[in-house]
mmCIF file of all heavy atoms, coordinates in Angstrom:
data_MODEL
# 
_entry.id   MODEL 
# 
loop_
_atom_site.group_PDB 
_atom_site.id 
_atom_site.type_symbol 
_atom_site.label_atom_id 
_atom_site.label_alt_id 
_atom_site.label_comp_id 
_atom_site.label_asym_id 
_atom_site.label_entity_id 
_atom_site.label_seq_id 
_atom_site.pdbx_PDB_ins_code 
_atom_site.Cartn_x 
_atom_site.Cartn_y 
_atom_site.Cartn_z 
_atom_site.occupancy 
_atom_site.B_iso_or_equiv 
_atom_site.pdbx_formal_charge 
_atom_site.auth_seq_id 
_atom_site.auth_comp_id 
_atom_site.auth_asym_id 
_atom_site.auth_atom_id 
_atom_site.pdbx_PDB_model_num 
ATOM 1   N N   . ASN A 1 1  ? 0.898   -1.175  0.013   1.00 0.00 ? 1  ASN A N   1 
ATOM 2   C CA  . ASN A 1 1  ? -0.013  -0.063  -0.003  1.00 0.00 ? 1  ASN A CA  1 
ATOM 3   C C   . ASN A 1 1  ? 0.856   1.308   -0.034  1.00 0.00 ? 1  ASN A C   1 
ATOM 4   O O   . ASN A 1 1  ? 1.552   1.530   0.958   1.00 0.00 ? 1  ASN A O   1 
ATOM 5   C CB  . ASN A 1 1  ? -0.954  0.028   1.254   1.00 0.00 ? 1  ASN A CB  1 
ATOM 6   C CG  . ASN A 1 1  ? -1.792  1.217   1.277   1.00 0.00 ? 1  ASN A CG  1 
ATOM 7   O OD1 . ASN A 1 1  ? -2.443  1.644   0.250   1.00 0.00 ? 1  ASN A OD1 1 
ATOM 8   N ND2 . ASN A 1 1  ? -1.836  1.963   2.432   1.00 0.00 ? 1  ASN A ND2 1 
ATOM 9   N N   . ASP A 1 2  ? 0.816   2.009   -1.049  1.00 0.00 ? 2  ASP A N   1 
ATOM 10  C CA  . ASP A 1 2  ? 1.728   3.160   -1.270  1.00 0.00 ? 2  ASP A CA  1 
ATOM 11  C C   . ASP A 1 2  ? 1.075   4.422   -0.713  1.00 0.00 ? 2  ASP A C   1 
ATOM 12  O O   . ASP A 1 2  ? 0.898   5.423   -1.404  1.00 0.00 ? 2  ASP A O   1 
ATOM 13  C CB  . ASP A 1 2  ? 2.022   3.304   -2.801  1.00 0.00 ? 2  ASP A CB  1 
ATOM 14  C CG  . ASP A 1 2  ? 3.155   4.318   -3.036  1.00 0.00 ? 2  ASP A CG  1 
ATOM 15  O OD1 . ASP A 1 2  ? 3.994   4.471   -2.075  1.00 0.00 ? 2  ASP A OD1 1 
ATOM 16  O OD2 . ASP A 1 2  ? 3.247   4.767   -4.176  1.00 0.00 ? 2  ASP A OD2 1 
ATOM 17  N N   . CYS A 1 3  ? 0.851   4.369   0.608   1.00 0.00 ? 3  CYS A N   1 
ATOM 18  C CA  . CYS A 1 3  ? 0.259   5.484   1.406   1.00 0.00 ? 3  CYS A CA  1 
ATOM 19  C C   . CYS A 1 3  ? -1.007  6.050   0.686   1.00 0.00 ? 3  CYS A C   1 
ATOM 20  O O   . CYS A 1 3  ? -1.087  7.273   0.378   1.00 0.00 ? 3  CYS A O   1 
ATOM 21  C CB  . CYS A 1 3  ? 1.362   6.638   1.432   1.00 0.00 ? 3  CYS A CB  1 
ATOM 22  S SG  . CYS A 1 3  ? 1.023   7.842   2.716   1.00 0.00 ? 3  CYS A SG  1 
ATOM 23  N N   . SER A 1 4  ? -1.898  5.136   0.394   1.00 0.00 ? 4  SER A N   1 
ATOM 24  C CA  . SER A 1 4  ? -3.141  5.455   -0.307  1.00 0.00 ? 4  SER A CA  1 
ATOM 25  C C   . SER A 1 4  ? -3.914  6.493   0.562   1.00 0.00 ? 4  SER A C   1 
ATOM 26  O O   . SER A 1 4  ? -3.907  6.413   1.760   1.00 0.00 ? 4  SER A O   1 
ATOM 27  C CB  . SER A 1 4  ? -3.976  4.283   -0.511  1.00 0.00 ? 4  SER A CB  1 
ATOM 28  O OG  . SER A 1 4  ? -3.353  3.371   -1.441  1.00 0.00 ? 4  SER A OG  1 
ATOM 29  N N   . GLY A 1 5  ? -4.698  7.337   -0.101  1.00 0.00 ? 5  GLY A N   1 
ATOM 30  C CA  . GLY A 1 5  ? -5.487  8.342   0.544   1.00 0.00 ? 5  GLY A CA  1 
ATOM 31  C C   . GLY A 1 5  ? -6.949  7.911   0.682   1.00 0.00 ? 5  GLY A C   1 
ATOM 32  O O   . GLY A 1 5  ? -7.775  8.632   1.237   1.00 0.00 ? 5  GLY A O   1 
ATOM 33  N N   . ASP A 1 6  ? -7.291  6.724   0.201   1.00 0.00 ? 6  ASP A N   1 
ATOM 34  C CA  . ASP A 1 6  ? -8.657  6.174   0.302   1.00 0.00 ? 6  ASP A CA  1 
ATOM 35  C C   . ASP A 1 6  ? -8.630  5.084   1.205   1.00 0.00 ? 6  ASP A C   1 
ATOM 36  O O   . ASP A 1 6  ? -7.802  4.970   2.163   1.00 0.00 ? 6  ASP A O   1 
ATOM 37  C CB  . ASP A 1 6  ? -9.106  5.777   -1.144  1.00 0.00 ? 6  ASP A CB  1 
ATOM 38  C CG  . ASP A 1 6  ? -8.334  4.579   -1.739  1.00 0.00 ? 6  ASP A CG  1 
ATOM 39  O OD1 . ASP A 1 6  ? -7.384  4.146   -1.081  1.00 0.00 ? 6  ASP A OD1 1 
ATOM 40  O OD2 . ASP A 1 6  ? -8.676  4.156   -2.849  1.00 0.00 ? 6  ASP A OD2 1 
ATOM 41  N N   . ASP A 1 7  ? -9.566  4.110   1.068   1.00 0.00 ? 7  ASP A N   1 
ATOM 42  C CA  . ASP A 1 7  ? -9.727  2.973   2.068   1.00 0.00 ? 7  ASP A CA  1 
ATOM 43  C C   . ASP A 1 7  ? -9.019  1.699   1.681   1.00 0.00 ? 7  ASP A C   1 
ATOM 44  O O   . ASP A 1 7  ? -9.378  0.616   2.168   1.00 0.00 ? 7  ASP A O   1 
ATOM 45  C CB  . ASP A 1 7  ? -11.283 2.664   2.210   1.00 0.00 ? 7  ASP A CB  1 
ATOM 46  C CG  . ASP A 1 7  ? -11.974 3.712   3.039   1.00 0.00 ? 7  ASP A CG  1 
ATOM 47  O OD1 . ASP A 1 7  ? -11.300 4.506   3.781   1.00 0.00 ? 7  ASP A OD1 1 
ATOM 48  O OD2 . ASP A 1 7  ? -13.165 3.905   2.801   1.00 0.00 ? 7  ASP A OD2 1 
ATOM 49  N N   . THR A 1 8  ? -8.012  1.792   0.836   1.00 0.00 ? 8  THR A N   1 
ATOM 50  C CA  . THR A 1 8  ? -7.241  0.603   0.430   1.00 0.00 ? 8  THR A CA  1 
ATOM 51  C C   . THR A 1 8  ? -6.727  -0.191  1.580   1.00 0.00 ? 8  THR A C   1 
ATOM 52  O O   . THR A 1 8  ? -6.901  -1.327  1.738   1.00 0.00 ? 8  THR A O   1 
ATOM 53  C CB  . THR A 1 8  ? -6.114  0.974   -0.559  1.00 0.00 ? 8  THR A CB  1 
ATOM 54  O OG1 . THR A 1 8  ? -6.619  1.535   -1.766  1.00 0.00 ? 8  THR A OG1 1 
ATOM 55  C CG2 . THR A 1 8  ? -5.294  -0.265  -0.903  1.00 0.00 ? 8  THR A CG2 1 
ATOM 56  N N   . LEU A 1 9  ? -6.026  0.562   2.498   1.00 0.00 ? 9  LEU A N   1 
ATOM 57  C CA  . LEU A 1 9  ? -5.477  -0.108  3.634   1.00 0.00 ? 9  LEU A CA  1 
ATOM 58  C C   . LEU A 1 9  ? -6.510  -0.688  4.550   1.00 0.00 ? 9  LEU A C   1 
ATOM 59  O O   . LEU A 1 9  ? -6.403  -1.842  5.093   1.00 0.00 ? 9  LEU A O   1 
ATOM 60  C CB  . LEU A 1 9  ? -4.556  0.868   4.411   1.00 0.00 ? 9  LEU A CB  1 
ATOM 61  C CG  . LEU A 1 9  ? -3.935  0.295   5.690   1.00 0.00 ? 9  LEU A CG  1 
ATOM 62  C CD1 . LEU A 1 9  ? -2.926  -0.848  5.374   1.00 0.00 ? 9  LEU A CD1 1 
ATOM 63  C CD2 . LEU A 1 9  ? -3.145  1.432   6.416   1.00 0.00 ? 9  LEU A CD2 1 
ATOM 64  N N   . LYS A 1 10 ? -7.584  0.090   4.785   1.00 0.00 ? 10 LYS A N   1 
ATOM 65  C CA  . LYS A 1 10 ? -8.670  -0.414  5.659   1.00 0.00 ? 10 LYS A CA  1 
ATOM 66  C C   . LYS A 1 10 ? -9.343  -1.681  5.144   1.00 0.00 ? 10 LYS A C   1 
ATOM 67  O O   . LYS A 1 10 ? -9.569  -2.657  5.913   1.00 0.00 ? 10 LYS A O   1 
ATOM 68  C CB  . LYS A 1 10 ? -9.761  0.722   5.781   1.00 0.00 ? 10 LYS A CB  1 
ATOM 69  C CG  . LYS A 1 10 ? -10.995 0.353   6.576   1.00 0.00 ? 10 LYS A CG  1 
ATOM 70  C CD  . LYS A 1 10 ? -11.957 1.498   6.600   1.00 0.00 ? 10 LYS A CD  1 
ATOM 71  C CE  . LYS A 1 10 ? -13.261 1.106   7.352   1.00 0.00 ? 10 LYS A CE  1 
ATOM 72  N NZ  . LYS A 1 10 ? -14.277 2.157   7.284   1.00 0.00 ? 10 LYS A NZ  1 
ATOM 73  N N   . ILE A 1 11 ? -9.504  -1.770  3.829   1.00 0.00 ? 11 ILE A N   1 
ATOM 74  C CA  . ILE A 1 11 ? -10.085 -2.943  3.261   1.00 0.00 ? 11 ILE A CA  1 
ATOM 75  C C   . ILE A 1 11 ? -9.178  -4.130  3.397   1.00 0.00 ? 11 ILE A C   1 
ATOM 76  O O   . ILE A 1 11 ? -9.571  -5.222  3.720   1.00 0.00 ? 11 ILE A O   1 
ATOM 77  C CB  . ILE A 1 11 ? -10.417 -2.733  1.708   1.00 0.00 ? 11 ILE A CB  1 
ATOM 78  C CG1 . ILE A 1 11 ? -11.582 -1.667  1.595   1.00 0.00 ? 11 ILE A CG1 1 
ATOM 79  C CG2 . ILE A 1 11 ? -10.748 -3.972  1.016   1.00 0.00 ? 11 ILE A CG2 1 
ATOM 80  C CD1 . ILE A 1 11 ? -11.808 -1.226  0.162   1.00 0.00 ? 11 ILE A CD1 1 
ATOM 81  N N   . CYS A 1 12 ? -7.879  -3.890  3.223   1.00 0.00 ? 12 CYS A N   1 
ATOM 82  C CA  . CYS A 1 12 ? -6.915  -4.991  3.380   1.00 0.00 ? 12 CYS A CA  1 
ATOM 83  C C   . CYS A 1 12 ? -6.904  -5.474  4.787   1.00 0.00 ? 12 CYS A C   1 
ATOM 84  O O   . CYS A 1 12 ? -6.881  -6.751  4.998   1.00 0.00 ? 12 CYS A O   1 
ATOM 85  C CB  . CYS A 1 12 ? -5.522  -4.484  3.008   1.00 0.00 ? 12 CYS A CB  1 
ATOM 86  S SG  . CYS A 1 12 ? -5.164  -4.186  1.271   1.00 0.00 ? 12 CYS A SG  1 
ATOM 87  N N   . ARG A 1 13 ? -6.929  -4.602  5.701   1.00 0.00 ? 13 ARG A N   1 
ATOM 88  C CA  . ARG A 1 13 ? -6.942  -5.039  7.122   1.00 0.00 ? 13 ARG A CA  1 
ATOM 89  C C   . ARG A 1 13 ? -8.199  -5.704  7.558   1.00 0.00 ? 13 ARG A C   1 
ATOM 90  O O   . ARG A 1 13 ? -8.248  -6.717  8.251   1.00 0.00 ? 13 ARG A O   1 
ATOM 91  C CB  . ARG A 1 13 ? -6.608  -3.909  8.065   1.00 0.00 ? 13 ARG A CB  1 
ATOM 92  C CG  . ARG A 1 13 ? -5.091  -3.406  7.934   1.00 0.00 ? 13 ARG A CG  1 
ATOM 93  C CD  . ARG A 1 13 ? -4.782  -2.258  8.747   1.00 0.00 ? 13 ARG A CD  1 
ATOM 94  N NE  . ARG A 1 13 ? -3.357  -2.056  8.825   1.00 0.00 ? 13 ARG A NE  1 
ATOM 95  C CZ  . ARG A 1 13 ? -2.778  -0.926  9.276   1.00 0.00 ? 13 ARG A CZ  1 
ATOM 96  N NH1 . ARG A 1 13 ? -3.509  0.018   9.798   1.00 0.00 ? 13 ARG A NH1 1 
ATOM 97  N NH2 . ARG A 1 13 ? -1.412  -0.866  9.229   1.00 0.00 ? 13 ARG A NH2 1 
ATOM 98  N N   . GLU A 1 14 ? -9.346  -5.186  7.097   1.00 0.00 ? 14 GLU A N   1 
ATOM 99  C CA  . GLU A 1 14 ? -10.675 -5.811  7.416   1.00 0.00 ? 14 GLU A CA  1 
ATOM 100 C C   . GLU A 1 14 ? -10.759 -7.199  6.903   1.00 0.00 ? 14 GLU A C   1 
ATOM 101 O O   . GLU A 1 14 ? -11.463 -8.081  7.512   1.00 0.00 ? 14 GLU A O   1 
ATOM 102 C CB  . GLU A 1 14 ? -11.779 -4.925  6.861   1.00 0.00 ? 14 GLU A CB  1 
ATOM 103 C CG  . GLU A 1 14 ? -12.027 -3.638  7.638   1.00 0.00 ? 14 GLU A CG  1 
ATOM 104 C CD  . GLU A 1 14 ? -13.150 -2.833  7.012   1.00 0.00 ? 14 GLU A CD  1 
ATOM 105 O OE1 . GLU A 1 14 ? -13.594 -3.097  5.886   1.00 0.00 ? 14 GLU A OE1 1 
ATOM 106 O OE2 . GLU A 1 14 ? -13.553 -1.836  7.686   1.00 0.00 ? 14 GLU A OE2 1 
ATOM 107 N N   . HIS A 1 15 ? -10.129 -7.488  5.752   1.00 0.00 ? 15 HIS A N   1 
ATOM 108 C CA  . HIS A 1 15 ? -10.231 -8.815  5.094   1.00 0.00 ? 15 HIS A CA  1 
ATOM 109 C C   . HIS A 1 15 ? -9.041  -9.635  5.329   1.00 0.00 ? 15 HIS A C   1 
ATOM 110 O O   . HIS A 1 15 ? -8.790  -10.643 4.673   1.00 0.00 ? 15 HIS A O   1 
ATOM 111 C CB  . HIS A 1 15 ? -10.575 -8.652  3.598   1.00 0.00 ? 15 HIS A CB  1 
ATOM 112 C CG  . HIS A 1 15 ? -11.907 -8.102  3.275   1.00 0.00 ? 15 HIS A CG  1 
ATOM 113 N ND1 . HIS A 1 15 ? -12.994 -8.847  3.140   1.00 0.00 ? 15 HIS A ND1 1 
ATOM 114 C CD2 . HIS A 1 15 ? -12.297 -6.760  3.147   1.00 0.00 ? 15 HIS A CD2 1 
ATOM 115 C CE1 . HIS A 1 15 ? -14.057 -8.058  2.921   1.00 0.00 ? 15 HIS A CE1 1 
ATOM 116 N NE2 . HIS A 1 15 ? -13.617 -6.805  2.870   1.00 0.00 ? 15 HIS A NE2 1 
ATOM 117 N N   . HIS A 1 16 ? -8.139  -9.228  6.262   1.00 0.00 ? 16 HIS A N   1 
ATOM 118 C CA  . HIS A 1 16 ? -6.978  -10.026 6.647   1.00 0.00 ? 16 HIS A CA  1 
ATOM 119 C C   . HIS A 1 16 ? -6.095  -10.299 5.457   1.00 0.00 ? 16 HIS A C   1 
ATOM 120 O O   . HIS A 1 16 ? -5.563  -11.369 5.380   1.00 0.00 ? 16 HIS A O   1 
ATOM 121 C CB  . HIS A 1 16 ? -7.382  -11.318 7.358   1.00 0.00 ? 16 HIS A CB  1 
ATOM 122 C CG  . HIS A 1 16 ? -8.420  -11.111 8.497   1.00 0.00 ? 16 HIS A CG  1 
ATOM 123 N ND1 . HIS A 1 16 ? -7.951  -10.504 9.733   1.00 0.00 ? 16 HIS A ND1 1 
ATOM 124 C CD2 . HIS A 1 16 ? -9.683  -11.381 8.579   1.00 0.00 ? 16 HIS A CD2 1 
ATOM 125 C CE1 . HIS A 1 16 ? -9.006  -10.464 10.459  1.00 0.00 ? 16 HIS A CE1 1 
ATOM 126 N NE2 . HIS A 1 16 ? -10.119 -10.975 9.916   1.00 0.00 ? 16 HIS A NE2 1 
ATOM 127 N N   . ILE A 1 17 ? -5.941  -9.256  4.624   1.00 0.00 ? 17 ILE A N   1 
ATOM 128 C CA  . ILE A 1 17 ? -4.983  -9.362  3.444   1.00 0.00 ? 17 ILE A CA  1 
ATOM 129 C C   . ILE A 1 17 ? -3.629  -9.027  3.972   1.00 0.00 ? 17 ILE A C   1 
ATOM 130 O O   . ILE A 1 17 ? -3.396  -8.041  4.655   1.00 0.00 ? 17 ILE A O   1 
ATOM 131 C CB  . ILE A 1 17 ? -5.503  -8.452  2.383   1.00 0.00 ? 17 ILE A CB  1 
ATOM 132 C CG1 . ILE A 1 17 ? -6.856  -8.999  1.756   1.00 0.00 ? 17 ILE A CG1 1 
ATOM 133 C CG2 . ILE A 1 17 ? -4.477  -8.223  1.228   1.00 0.00 ? 17 ILE A CG2 1 
ATOM 134 C CD1 . ILE A 1 17 ? -7.524  -7.982  0.851   1.00 0.00 ? 17 ILE A CD1 1 
ATOM 135 N N   . HIS A 1 18 ? -2.643  -9.793  3.467   1.00 0.00 ? 18 HIS A N   1 
ATOM 136 C CA  . HIS A 1 18 ? -1.211  -9.538  3.828   1.00 0.00 ? 18 HIS A CA  1 
ATOM 137 C C   . HIS A 1 18 ? -0.812  -8.250  3.148   1.00 0.00 ? 18 HIS A C   1 
ATOM 138 O O   . HIS A 1 18 ? -0.764  -8.149  1.833   1.00 0.00 ? 18 HIS A O   1 
ATOM 139 C CB  . HIS A 1 18 ? -0.398  -10.722 3.308   1.00 0.00 ? 18 HIS A CB  1 
ATOM 140 C CG  . HIS A 1 18 ? 1.032   -10.579 3.683   1.00 0.00 ? 18 HIS A CG  1 
ATOM 141 N ND1 . HIS A 1 18 ? 2.037   -11.252 3.143   1.00 0.00 ? 18 HIS A ND1 1 
ATOM 142 C CD2 . HIS A 1 18 ? 1.589   -9.838  4.733   1.00 0.00 ? 18 HIS A CD2 1 
ATOM 143 C CE1 . HIS A 1 18 ? 3.219   -10.961 3.717   1.00 0.00 ? 18 HIS A CE1 1 
ATOM 144 N NE2 . HIS A 1 18 ? 2.969   -10.155 4.694   1.00 0.00 ? 18 HIS A NE2 1 
ATOM 145 N N   . VAL A 1 19 ? -0.475  -7.229  3.955   1.00 0.00 ? 19 VAL A N   1 
ATOM 146 C CA  . VAL A 1 19 ? -0.238  -5.886  3.359   1.00 0.00 ? 19 VAL A CA  1 
ATOM 147 C C   . VAL A 1 19 ? 1.063   -5.313  4.003   1.00 0.00 ? 19 VAL A C   1 
ATOM 148 O O   . VAL A 1 19 ? 1.212   -5.390  5.179   1.00 0.00 ? 19 VAL A O   1 
ATOM 149 C CB  . VAL A 1 19 ? -1.422  -4.954  3.469   1.00 0.00 ? 19 VAL A CB  1 
ATOM 150 C CG1 . VAL A 1 19 ? -1.862  -4.786  4.915   1.00 0.00 ? 19 VAL A CG1 1 
ATOM 151 C CG2 . VAL A 1 19 ? -1.203  -3.578  2.788   1.00 0.00 ? 19 VAL A CG2 1 
ATOM 152 N N   . LEU A 1 20 ? 1.868   -4.676  3.188   1.00 0.00 ? 20 LEU A N   1 
ATOM 153 C CA  . LEU A 1 20 ? 2.947   -3.750  3.669   1.00 0.00 ? 20 LEU A CA  1 
ATOM 154 C C   . LEU A 1 20 ? 2.435   -2.350  3.522   1.00 0.00 ? 20 LEU A C   1 
ATOM 155 O O   . LEU A 1 20 ? 2.102   -1.917  2.411   1.00 0.00 ? 20 LEU A O   1 
ATOM 156 C CB  . LEU A 1 20 ? 4.206   -4.029  2.884   1.00 0.00 ? 20 LEU A CB  1 
ATOM 157 C CG  . LEU A 1 20 ? 4.855   -5.413  2.907   1.00 0.00 ? 20 LEU A CG  1 
ATOM 158 C CD1 . LEU A 1 20 ? 6.111   -5.418  2.059   1.00 0.00 ? 20 LEU A CD1 1 
ATOM 159 C CD2 . LEU A 1 20 ? 5.187   -5.789  4.337   1.00 0.00 ? 20 LEU A CD2 1 
ATOM 160 N N   . ASP A 1 21 ? 2.458   -1.559  4.545   1.00 0.00 ? 21 ASP A N   1 
ATOM 161 C CA  . ASP A 1 21 ? 1.911   -0.193  4.505   1.00 0.00 ? 21 ASP A CA  1 
ATOM 162 C C   . ASP A 1 21 ? 3.036   0.828   4.547   1.00 0.00 ? 21 ASP A C   1 
ATOM 163 O O   . ASP A 1 21 ? 3.804   0.937   5.543   1.00 0.00 ? 21 ASP A O   1 
ATOM 164 C CB  . ASP A 1 21 ? 0.967   0.035   5.728   1.00 0.00 ? 21 ASP A CB  1 
ATOM 165 C CG  . ASP A 1 21 ? 0.331   1.379   5.620   1.00 0.00 ? 21 ASP A CG  1 
ATOM 166 O OD1 . ASP A 1 21 ? 0.019   1.844   4.552   1.00 0.00 ? 21 ASP A OD1 1 
ATOM 167 O OD2 . ASP A 1 21 ? 0.145   1.973   6.704   1.00 0.00 ? 21 ASP A OD2 1 
ATOM 168 N N   . LEU A 1 22 ? 3.254   1.483   3.415   1.00 0.00 ? 22 LEU A N   1 
ATOM 169 C CA  . LEU A 1 22 ? 4.362   2.441   3.312   1.00 0.00 ? 22 LEU A CA  1 
ATOM 170 C C   . LEU A 1 22 ? 3.905   3.776   3.991   1.00 0.00 ? 22 LEU A C   1 
ATOM 171 O O   . LEU A 1 22 ? 2.818   4.233   3.815   1.00 0.00 ? 22 LEU A O   1 
ATOM 172 C CB  . LEU A 1 22 ? 4.728   2.790   1.877   1.00 0.00 ? 22 LEU A CB  1 
ATOM 173 C CG  . LEU A 1 22 ? 5.223   1.507   1.053   1.00 0.00 ? 22 LEU A CG  1 
ATOM 174 C CD1 . LEU A 1 22 ? 5.517   1.900   -0.342  1.00 0.00 ? 22 LEU A CD1 1 
ATOM 175 C CD2 . LEU A 1 22 ? 6.457   0.944   1.729   1.00 0.00 ? 22 LEU A CD2 1 
ATOM 176 N N   . PRO A 1 23 ? 4.740   4.348   4.821   1.00 0.00 ? 23 PRO A N   1 
ATOM 177 C CA  . PRO A 1 23 ? 4.374   5.567   5.578   1.00 0.00 ? 23 PRO A CA  1 
ATOM 178 C C   . PRO A 1 23 ? 4.385   6.813   4.683   1.00 0.00 ? 23 PRO A C   1 
ATOM 179 O O   . PRO A 1 23 ? 3.700   7.804   5.087   1.00 0.00 ? 23 PRO A O   1 
ATOM 180 C CB  . PRO A 1 23 ? 5.467   5.673   6.682   1.00 0.00 ? 23 PRO A CB  1 
ATOM 181 C CG  . PRO A 1 23 ? 6.700   5.005   6.056   1.00 0.00 ? 23 PRO A CG  1 
ATOM 182 C CD  . PRO A 1 23 ? 6.067   3.894   5.261   1.00 0.00 ? 23 PRO A CD  1 
ATOM 183 N N   . ILE A 1 24 ? 4.970   6.790   3.579   1.00 0.00 ? 24 ILE A N   1 
ATOM 184 C CA  . ILE A 1 24 ? 4.986   7.935   2.659   1.00 0.00 ? 24 ILE A CA  1 
ATOM 185 C C   . ILE A 1 24 ? 4.803   7.317   1.266   1.00 0.00 ? 24 ILE A C   1 
ATOM 186 O O   . ILE A 1 24 ? 5.080   6.201   0.980   1.00 0.00 ? 24 ILE A O   1 
ATOM 187 C CB  . ILE A 1 24 ? 6.238   8.801   2.689   1.00 0.00 ? 24 ILE A CB  1 
ATOM 188 C CG1 . ILE A 1 24 ? 7.423   7.933   2.307   1.00 0.00 ? 24 ILE A CG1 1 
ATOM 189 C CG2 . ILE A 1 24 ? 6.421   9.483   4.048   1.00 0.00 ? 24 ILE A CG2 1 
ATOM 190 C CD1 . ILE A 1 24 ? 8.750   8.795   2.173   1.00 0.00 ? 24 ILE A CD1 1 
ATOM 191 N N   . ASN A 1 25 ? 4.308   8.182   0.355   1.00 0.00 ? 25 ASN A N   1 
ATOM 192 C CA  . ASN A 1 25 ? 4.101   7.728   -1.011  1.00 0.00 ? 25 ASN A CA  1 
ATOM 193 C C   . ASN A 1 25 ? 5.394   7.682   -1.786  1.00 0.00 ? 25 ASN A C   1 
ATOM 194 O O   . ASN A 1 25 ? 6.073   8.647   -1.982  1.00 0.00 ? 25 ASN A O   1 
ATOM 195 C CB  . ASN A 1 25 ? 3.100   8.682   -1.763  1.00 0.00 ? 25 ASN A CB  1 
ATOM 196 C CG  . ASN A 1 25 ? 2.820   8.291   -3.196  1.00 0.00 ? 25 ASN A CG  1 
ATOM 197 O OD1 . ASN A 1 25 ? 3.443   8.834   -4.098  1.00 0.00 ? 25 ASN A OD1 1 
ATOM 198 N ND2 . ASN A 1 25 ? 1.955   7.351   -3.424  1.00 0.00 ? 25 ASN A ND2 1 
ATOM 199 N N   . LEU A 1 26 ? 5.783   6.552   -2.255  1.00 0.00 ? 26 LEU A N   1 
ATOM 200 C CA  . LEU A 1 26 ? 7.073   6.323   -2.953  1.00 0.00 ? 26 LEU A CA  1 
ATOM 201 C C   . LEU A 1 26 ? 6.858   6.280   -4.494  1.00 0.00 ? 26 LEU A C   1 
ATOM 202 O O   . LEU A 1 26 ? 7.859   6.261   -5.178  1.00 0.00 ? 26 LEU A O   1 
ATOM 203 C CB  . LEU A 1 26 ? 7.732   5.015   -2.495  1.00 0.00 ? 26 LEU A CB  1 
ATOM 204 C CG  . LEU A 1 26 ? 8.179   5.010   -1.030  1.00 0.00 ? 26 LEU A CG  1 
ATOM 205 C CD1 . LEU A 1 26 ? 8.837   3.679   -0.812  1.00 0.00 ? 26 LEU A CD1 1 
ATOM 206 C CD2 . LEU A 1 26 ? 9.089   6.105   -0.706  1.00 0.00 ? 26 LEU A CD2 1 
ATOM 207 N N   . GLY A 1 27 ? 5.603   6.252   -4.918  1.00 0.00 ? 27 GLY A N   1 
ATOM 208 C CA  . GLY A 1 27 ? 5.421   6.037   -6.371  1.00 0.00 ? 27 GLY A CA  1 
ATOM 209 C C   . GLY A 1 27 ? 5.459   4.583   -6.728  1.00 0.00 ? 27 GLY A C   1 
ATOM 210 O O   . GLY A 1 27 ? 5.827   3.730   -5.931  1.00 0.00 ? 27 GLY A O   1 
ATOM 211 N N   . ILE A 1 28 ? 5.079   4.214   -8.019  1.00 0.00 ? 28 ILE A N   1 
ATOM 212 C CA  . ILE A 1 28 ? 4.921   2.911   -8.333  1.00 0.00 ? 28 ILE A CA  1 
ATOM 213 C C   . ILE A 1 28 ? 6.303   2.230   -8.289  1.00 0.00 ? 28 ILE A C   1 
ATOM 214 O O   . ILE A 1 28 ? 6.463   1.060   -7.876  1.00 0.00 ? 28 ILE A O   1 
ATOM 215 C CB  . ILE A 1 28 ? 4.367   2.751   -9.803  1.00 0.00 ? 28 ILE A CB  1 
ATOM 216 C CG1 . ILE A 1 28 ? 4.331   1.359   -10.248 1.00 0.00 ? 28 ILE A CG1 1 
ATOM 217 C CG2 . ILE A 1 28 ? 5.235   3.586   -10.804 1.00 0.00 ? 28 ILE A CG2 1 
ATOM 218 C CD1 . ILE A 1 28 ? 3.332   0.454   -9.411  1.00 0.00 ? 28 ILE A CD1 1 
# 
């Protein structure tokens, strides 16, 4: 998750998806 501004991270956590959450946007 590239520091998304929407609910991408929330959805990943709610559905127990393995996610790395970047603290700042690094670009693709």
